[in-house]
């Protein structure tokens, strides 16, 4: 089932590309990039989400991440 968003694909893609450019510019290794992005997600949740809703949002975020990962093996 598709997820509806209040944000346009253009908005999402523009921000994603800007974030990826910063990581590329700094030649960021994969493990460091994931650590930093995870820390960003944690900071946003702790700063902008009510304490009572944080755990559930983090669980939903984790589920969305798992659902979006391509688990096909590349040859």
N, C-alpha and C. Protein backbone atom coordinates (compact mmCIF):
# COMPACT_ATOMS: atom_id res chain seq x y z
N UNK A 1 0.84 -1.17 0.00
CA UNK A 1 0.00 0.00 0.00
C UNK A 1 0.89 1.25 0.00
N UNK A 2 0.59 2.18 -0.86
CA UNK A 2 1.37 3.42 -0.94
C UNK A 2 1.08 4.29 0.28
N UNK A 3 2.11 4.99 0.70
CA UNK A 3 1.97 5.91 1.82
C UNK A 3 1.76 7.31 1.27
N UNK A 4 0.70 7.97 1.73
CA UNK A 4 0.43 9.33 1.29
C UNK A 4 1.25 10.29 2.15
N UNK A 5 1.78 11.31 1.52
CA UNK A 5 2.60 12.28 2.23
C UNK A 5 2.08 13.68 1.96
N UNK A 6 2.21 14.54 2.95
CA UNK A 6 1.83 15.94 2.74
C UNK A 6 2.95 16.69 2.01
N UNK A 7 4.07 16.02 1.75
CA UNK A 7 5.20 16.63 1.06
C UNK A 7 5.28 16.10 -0.36
N UNK A 8 5.66 16.96 -1.28
CA UNK A 8 5.77 16.53 -2.67
C UNK A 8 7.04 15.70 -2.86
N UNK A 9 7.04 14.88 -3.91
CA UNK A 9 8.24 14.12 -4.24
C UNK A 9 9.41 15.05 -4.49
N UNK A 10 9.15 16.20 -5.12
CA UNK A 10 10.22 17.17 -5.37
C UNK A 10 10.85 17.67 -4.08
N UNK A 11 10.02 17.97 -3.07
CA UNK A 11 10.55 18.42 -1.78
C UNK A 11 11.44 17.35 -1.15
N UNK A 12 10.96 16.13 -1.17
CA UNK A 12 11.70 15.02 -0.56
C UNK A 12 13.01 14.79 -1.32
N UNK A 13 12.93 14.72 -2.64
CA UNK A 13 14.12 14.45 -3.45
C UNK A 13 15.16 15.56 -3.31
N UNK A 14 14.72 16.81 -3.27
CA UNK A 14 15.66 17.94 -3.14
C UNK A 14 16.43 17.85 -1.82
N UNK A 15 15.72 17.61 -0.74
CA UNK A 15 16.38 17.52 0.55
C UNK A 15 17.28 16.30 0.64
N UNK A 16 16.81 15.17 0.12
CA UNK A 16 17.63 13.96 0.10
C UNK A 16 18.92 14.18 -0.67
N UNK A 17 18.81 14.79 -1.85
CA UNK A 17 20.01 15.05 -2.65
C UNK A 17 20.98 15.97 -1.94
N UNK A 18 20.47 16.99 -1.24
CA UNK A 18 21.35 17.89 -0.50
C UNK A 18 22.08 17.16 0.62
N UNK A 19 21.37 16.29 1.33
CA UNK A 19 22.01 15.52 2.40
C UNK A 19 23.08 14.58 1.84
N UNK A 20 22.74 13.91 0.74
CA UNK A 20 23.70 12.99 0.13
C UNK A 20 24.93 13.73 -0.40
N UNK A 21 24.75 14.94 -0.92
CA UNK A 21 25.88 15.73 -1.39
C UNK A 21 26.84 16.07 -0.24
N UNK A 22 26.29 16.39 0.92
CA UNK A 22 27.14 16.68 2.09
C UNK A 22 27.95 15.44 2.47
N UNK A 23 27.30 14.29 2.47
CA UNK A 23 28.01 13.05 2.81
C UNK A 23 29.09 12.74 1.78
N UNK A 24 28.77 12.92 0.50
CA UNK A 24 29.76 12.67 -0.55
C UNK A 24 30.91 13.67 -0.47
N UNK A 25 30.60 14.93 -0.25
CA UNK A 25 31.62 15.98 -0.17
C UNK A 25 32.64 15.65 0.92
N UNK A 26 32.17 15.06 2.00
CA UNK A 26 33.05 14.72 3.11
C UNK A 26 33.60 13.30 3.01
N UNK A 27 33.32 12.63 1.89
CA UNK A 27 33.78 11.26 1.68
C UNK A 27 33.47 10.38 2.90
N UNK A 28 32.23 10.47 3.32
CA UNK A 28 31.80 9.82 4.54
C UNK A 28 31.66 8.31 4.33
N UNK A 29 32.35 7.51 5.15
CA UNK A 29 32.17 6.05 5.07
C UNK A 29 30.73 5.67 5.46
N UNK A 30 30.27 4.56 4.95
CA UNK A 30 28.89 4.12 5.17
C UNK A 30 28.54 4.05 6.65
N UNK A 31 29.40 3.45 7.47
CA UNK A 31 29.08 3.30 8.89
C UNK A 31 28.95 4.65 9.58
N UNK A 32 29.81 5.60 9.24
CA UNK A 32 29.73 6.93 9.84
C UNK A 32 28.48 7.66 9.36
N UNK A 33 28.17 7.54 8.07
CA UNK A 33 26.97 8.19 7.52
C UNK A 33 25.72 7.68 8.24
N UNK A 34 25.62 6.36 8.42
CA UNK A 34 24.46 5.80 9.10
C UNK A 34 24.41 6.23 10.57
N UNK A 35 25.56 6.30 11.22
CA UNK A 35 25.61 6.74 12.61
C UNK A 35 25.12 8.19 12.73
N UNK A 36 25.61 9.05 11.83
CA UNK A 36 25.22 10.46 11.87
C UNK A 36 23.74 10.62 11.55
N UNK A 37 23.26 9.92 10.53
CA UNK A 37 21.84 10.02 10.19
C UNK A 37 20.96 9.49 11.31
N UNK A 38 21.40 8.42 11.96
CA UNK A 38 20.67 7.90 13.12
C UNK A 38 20.64 8.90 14.26
N UNK A 39 21.78 9.56 14.50
CA UNK A 39 21.84 10.58 15.55
C UNK A 39 20.94 11.75 15.21
N UNK A 40 20.86 12.10 13.92
CA UNK A 40 19.96 13.18 13.49
C UNK A 40 18.51 12.79 13.78
N UNK A 41 18.14 11.56 13.43
CA UNK A 41 16.77 11.10 13.68
C UNK A 41 16.46 11.13 15.17
N UNK A 42 17.39 10.68 15.99
CA UNK A 42 17.20 10.69 17.43
C UNK A 42 17.04 12.11 17.95
N UNK A 43 17.87 13.03 17.47
CA UNK A 43 17.79 14.42 17.91
C UNK A 43 16.45 15.03 17.52
N UNK A 44 16.00 14.79 16.30
CA UNK A 44 14.72 15.34 15.84
C UNK A 44 13.58 14.79 16.69
N UNK A 45 13.58 13.50 16.93
CA UNK A 45 12.53 12.89 17.75
C UNK A 45 12.54 13.46 19.16
N UNK A 46 13.71 13.52 19.79
CA UNK A 46 13.80 14.02 21.17
C UNK A 46 13.46 15.50 21.27
N UNK A 47 13.74 16.26 20.23
CA UNK A 47 13.52 17.70 20.26
C UNK A 47 12.10 18.08 19.88
N UNK A 48 11.52 17.37 18.90
CA UNK A 48 10.27 17.84 18.30
C UNK A 48 9.04 16.98 18.57
N UNK A 49 9.20 15.85 19.24
CA UNK A 49 8.08 14.94 19.48
C UNK A 49 7.82 14.87 20.98
N UNK A 50 6.56 14.88 21.34
CA UNK A 50 6.19 14.78 22.75
C UNK A 50 6.76 13.50 23.36
N UNK A 51 7.23 13.57 24.59
CA UNK A 51 7.84 12.39 25.22
C UNK A 51 6.97 11.14 25.15
N UNK A 52 5.67 11.28 25.32
CA UNK A 52 4.78 10.11 25.32
C UNK A 52 4.69 9.45 23.95
N UNK A 53 5.05 10.17 22.88
CA UNK A 53 4.92 9.64 21.53
C UNK A 53 6.24 9.19 20.93
N UNK A 54 7.34 9.43 21.60
CA UNK A 54 8.66 9.18 21.03
C UNK A 54 8.93 7.72 20.72
N UNK A 55 8.64 6.83 21.66
CA UNK A 55 8.94 5.42 21.46
C UNK A 55 8.15 4.87 20.28
N UNK A 56 6.87 5.19 20.21
CA UNK A 56 6.04 4.68 19.11
C UNK A 56 6.52 5.22 17.77
N UNK A 57 6.88 6.50 17.72
CA UNK A 57 7.38 7.08 16.48
C UNK A 57 8.69 6.40 16.06
N UNK A 58 9.58 6.18 17.02
CA UNK A 58 10.84 5.50 16.72
C UNK A 58 10.59 4.09 16.20
N UNK A 59 9.61 3.39 16.77
CA UNK A 59 9.26 2.06 16.28
C UNK A 59 8.73 2.12 14.86
N UNK A 60 7.87 3.09 14.57
CA UNK A 60 7.32 3.25 13.22
C UNK A 60 8.43 3.60 12.23
N UNK A 61 9.36 4.44 12.66
CA UNK A 61 10.49 4.82 11.81
C UNK A 61 11.32 3.59 11.48
N UNK A 62 11.60 2.78 12.49
CA UNK A 62 12.36 1.55 12.28
C UNK A 62 11.65 0.58 11.35
N UNK A 63 10.34 0.45 11.50
CA UNK A 63 9.56 -0.43 10.64
C UNK A 63 9.57 0.09 9.20
N UNK A 64 9.46 1.40 9.03
CA UNK A 64 9.50 1.98 7.69
C UNK A 64 10.86 1.76 7.05
N UNK A 65 11.91 1.88 7.83
CA UNK A 65 13.26 1.65 7.32
C UNK A 65 13.42 0.20 6.87
N UNK A 66 12.99 -0.72 7.71
CA UNK A 66 13.07 -2.14 7.34
C UNK A 66 12.27 -2.43 6.07
N UNK A 67 11.10 -1.83 5.96
CA UNK A 67 10.25 -2.08 4.80
C UNK A 67 10.84 -1.49 3.52
N UNK A 68 11.68 -0.47 3.66
CA UNK A 68 12.22 0.20 2.48
C UNK A 68 13.56 -0.38 2.02
N UNK A 69 14.16 -1.23 2.81
CA UNK A 69 15.45 -1.81 2.46
C UNK A 69 15.27 -2.89 1.41
N UNK A 70 16.05 -2.80 0.36
CA UNK A 70 16.02 -3.79 -0.71
C UNK A 70 16.90 -4.97 -0.29
N UNK A 71 16.27 -6.10 -0.01
CA UNK A 71 17.04 -7.26 0.48
C UNK A 71 17.40 -8.25 -0.62
N UNK A 72 17.26 -7.81 -1.87
CA UNK A 72 17.70 -8.68 -2.97
C UNK A 72 19.23 -8.69 -2.98
N UNK A 73 19.77 -9.83 -3.31
CA UNK A 73 21.23 -9.95 -3.39
C UNK A 73 21.70 -9.53 -4.77
N UNK A 74 22.62 -8.58 -4.80
CA UNK A 74 23.19 -8.16 -6.08
C UNK A 74 24.22 -9.16 -6.54
N UNK A 75 24.24 -9.43 -7.82
CA UNK A 75 25.19 -10.39 -8.37
C UNK A 75 26.49 -9.72 -8.72
